[in-house]
Amino acid sequence: MPRCLRCGNRESFGSSRLPNVTPWVNGAPSALVGNFSGEKVRYLENMGVSWEASEEAYAHPERYFDLCSVCGSSEVIWP
C-alpha cells in the first residue's frame, strides 16, 4: 500500500484527482480519503464523490490516492 516519503504515513491518503469542492480550514485536501491497513483499503471517507468514483478508487487505489493526509505531501509511493 502507499507510503509518504516525507513523513512515513502508511494509513491515510487523499486523491488529487478528486479535489475537495467544499474545503474547510485544516480539512481534507480531497473529497475522497482512503484509510489503509496493511495490504488493503480499510474504508473510504467520501465527501461528495459519486458512488461510481468511490467504487473505482476502492478497486484501484493506486490510481487515485497520491496525497498524504497527514502532511499534505504528494511524495507518495506505491511499493
C-alpha atoms as a PDB file:
ATOM      1  CA  MET A   1       0.000   0.000   0.000  1.00  0.00           C
ATOM      2  CA  PRO A   2       1.082   3.626  -0.225  1.00  0.00           C
ATOM      3  CA  ARG A   3       3.723   5.338   1.865  1.00  0.00           C
ATOM      4  CA  CYS A   4       4.545   9.023   2.204  1.00  0.00           C
ATOM      5  CA  LEU A   5       8.224   9.691   1.605  1.00  0.00           C
ATOM      6  CA  ARG A   6       8.103  12.897   3.661  1.00  0.00           C
ATOM      7  CA  CYS A   7       6.509  11.747   6.940  1.00  0.00           C
ATOM      8  CA  GLY A   8       6.291   7.955   6.621  1.00  0.00           C
ATOM      9  CA  ASN A   9       2.481   7.803   6.817  1.00  0.00           C
ATOM     10  CA  ARG A  10       1.034   4.475   5.649  1.00  0.00           C
ATOM     11  CA  GLU A  11      -2.576   4.881   6.726  1.00  0.00           C
ATOM     12  CA  SER A  12      -4.452   7.891   5.310  1.00  0.00           C
ATOM     13  CA  PHE A  13      -4.288   9.305   1.783  1.00  0.00           C
ATOM     14  CA  GLY A  14      -6.296  11.632  -0.423  1.00  0.00           C
ATOM     15  CA  SER A  15      -6.638  11.968  -4.170  1.00  0.00           C
ATOM     16  CA  SER A  16      -5.545  14.911  -6.313  1.00  0.00           C
ATOM     17  CA  ARG A  17      -7.915  13.549  -8.991  1.00  0.00           C
ATOM     18  CA  LEU A  18     -10.876  14.277  -6.706  1.00  0.00           C
ATOM     19  CA  PRO A  19     -10.257  17.696  -5.109  1.00  0.00           C
ATOM     20  CA  ASN A  20     -12.465  18.779  -2.240  1.00  0.00           C
ATOM     21  CA  VAL A  21     -15.153  21.103  -3.592  1.00  0.00           C
ATOM     22  CA  THR A  22     -16.056  22.387  -0.124  1.00  0.00           C
ATOM     23  CA  PRO A  23     -12.728  22.733   1.704  1.00  0.00           C
ATOM     24  CA  TRP A  24     -12.610  23.994   5.258  1.00  0.00           C
ATOM     25  CA  VAL A  25      -9.729  25.090   7.459  1.00  0.00           C
ATOM     26  CA  ASN A  26      -7.434  22.148   8.163  1.00  0.00           C
ATOM     27  CA  GLY A  27      -9.848  19.837   6.348  1.00  0.00           C
ATOM     28  CA  ALA A  28      -9.000  17.037   3.988  1.00  0.00           C
ATOM     29  CA  PRO A  29      -7.334  18.081   0.699  1.00  0.00           C
ATOM     30  CA  SER A  30      -9.504  15.636  -1.208  1.00  0.00           C
ATOM     31  CA  ALA A  31     -13.163  14.730  -1.489  1.00  0.00           C
ATOM     32  CA  LEU A  32     -12.176  11.095  -1.027  1.00  0.00           C
ATOM     33  CA  VAL A  33      -9.795   9.880   1.670  1.00  0.00           C
ATOM     34  CA  GLY A  34      -8.645   6.290   1.777  1.00  0.00           C
ATOM     35  CA  ASN A  35      -7.683   4.697   5.078  1.00  0.00           C
ATOM     36  CA  PHE A  36      -5.382   1.745   4.625  1.00  0.00           C
ATOM     37  CA  SER A  37      -4.490  -1.253   6.746  1.00  0.00           C
ATOM     38  CA  GLY A  38      -1.700  -3.476   5.581  1.00  0.00           C
ATOM     39  CA  GLU A  39      -2.372  -4.518   2.010  1.00  0.00           C
ATOM     40  CA  LYS A  40      -5.918  -3.231   1.610  1.00  0.00           C
ATOM     41  CA  VAL A  41      -8.221  -0.235   1.855  1.00  0.00           C
ATOM     42  CA  ARG A  42      -9.874  -0.383   5.268  1.00  0.00           C
ATOM     43  CA  TYR A  43     -12.524   2.260   4.472  1.00  0.00           C
ATOM     44  CA  LEU A  44     -13.150   5.402   2.426  1.00  0.00           C
ATOM     45  CA  GLU A  45     -14.252   8.792   3.702  1.00  0.00           C
ATOM     46  CA  ASN A  46     -16.453  10.220   0.965  1.00  0.00           C
ATOM     47  CA  MET A  47     -17.096  13.969   0.961  1.00  0.00           C
ATOM     48  CA  GLY A  48     -19.213  14.444  -2.143  1.00  0.00           C
ATOM     49  CA  VAL A  49     -17.783  11.954  -4.642  1.00  0.00           C
ATOM     50  CA  SER A  50     -20.105   9.903  -6.851  1.00  0.00           C
ATOM     51  CA  TRP A  51     -20.699   6.249  -5.994  1.00  0.00           C
ATOM     52  CA  GLU A  52     -19.014   5.207  -9.242  1.00  0.00           C
ATOM     53  CA  ALA A  53     -15.840   7.198  -8.490  1.00  0.00           C
ATOM     54  CA  SER A  54     -15.734   5.756  -4.959  1.00  0.00           C
ATOM     55  CA  GLU A  55     -16.041   2.220  -6.281  1.00  0.00           C
ATOM     56  CA  GLU A  56     -13.321   2.825  -8.875  1.00  0.00           C
ATOM     57  CA  ALA A  57     -10.975   4.257  -6.236  1.00  0.00           C
ATOM     58  CA  TYR A  58     -11.658   1.307  -3.930  1.00  0.00           C
ATOM     59  CA  ALA A  59     -10.966  -1.183  -6.727  1.00  0.00           C
ATOM     60  CA  HIS A  60      -7.824   0.614  -7.984  1.00  0.00           C
ATOM     61  CA  PRO A  61      -6.425   2.678  -5.110  1.00  0.00           C
ATOM     62  CA  GLU A  62      -3.004   3.054  -6.740  1.00  0.00           C
ATOM     63  CA  ARG A  63      -4.621   5.183  -9.474  1.00  0.00           C
ATOM     64  CA  TYR A  64      -6.253   7.577  -7.030  1.00  0.00           C
ATOM     65  CA  PHE A  65      -4.515   8.013  -3.688  1.00  0.00           C
ATOM     66  CA  ASP A  66      -1.487  10.242  -4.178  1.00  0.00           C
ATOM     67  CA  LEU A  67      -1.704  12.849  -1.395  1.00  0.00           C
ATOM     68  CA  CYS A  68      -0.644  12.271   2.198  1.00  0.00           C
ATOM     69  CA  SER A  69      -3.466  13.212   4.574  1.00  0.00           C
ATOM     70  CA  VAL A  70      -1.007  13.722   7.438  1.00  0.00           C
ATOM     71  CA  CYS A  71       1.486  16.213   5.969  1.00  0.00           C
ATOM     72  CA  GLY A  72      -0.116  17.122   2.605  1.00  0.00           C
ATOM     73  CA  SER A  73       2.819  15.868   0.553  1.00  0.00           C
ATOM     74  CA  SER A  74       2.442  14.487  -2.942  1.00  0.00           C
ATOM     75  CA  GLU A  75       5.595  12.415  -2.444  1.00  0.00           C
ATOM     76  CA  VAL A  76       3.678   9.144  -2.168  1.00  0.00           C
ATOM     77  CA  ILE A  77       4.973   5.826  -3.453  1.00  0.00           C
ATOM     78  CA  TRP A  78       3.229   2.555  -4.084  1.00  0.00           C
ATOM     79  CA  PRO A  79       5.662  -0.350  -3.481  1.00  0.00           C
END
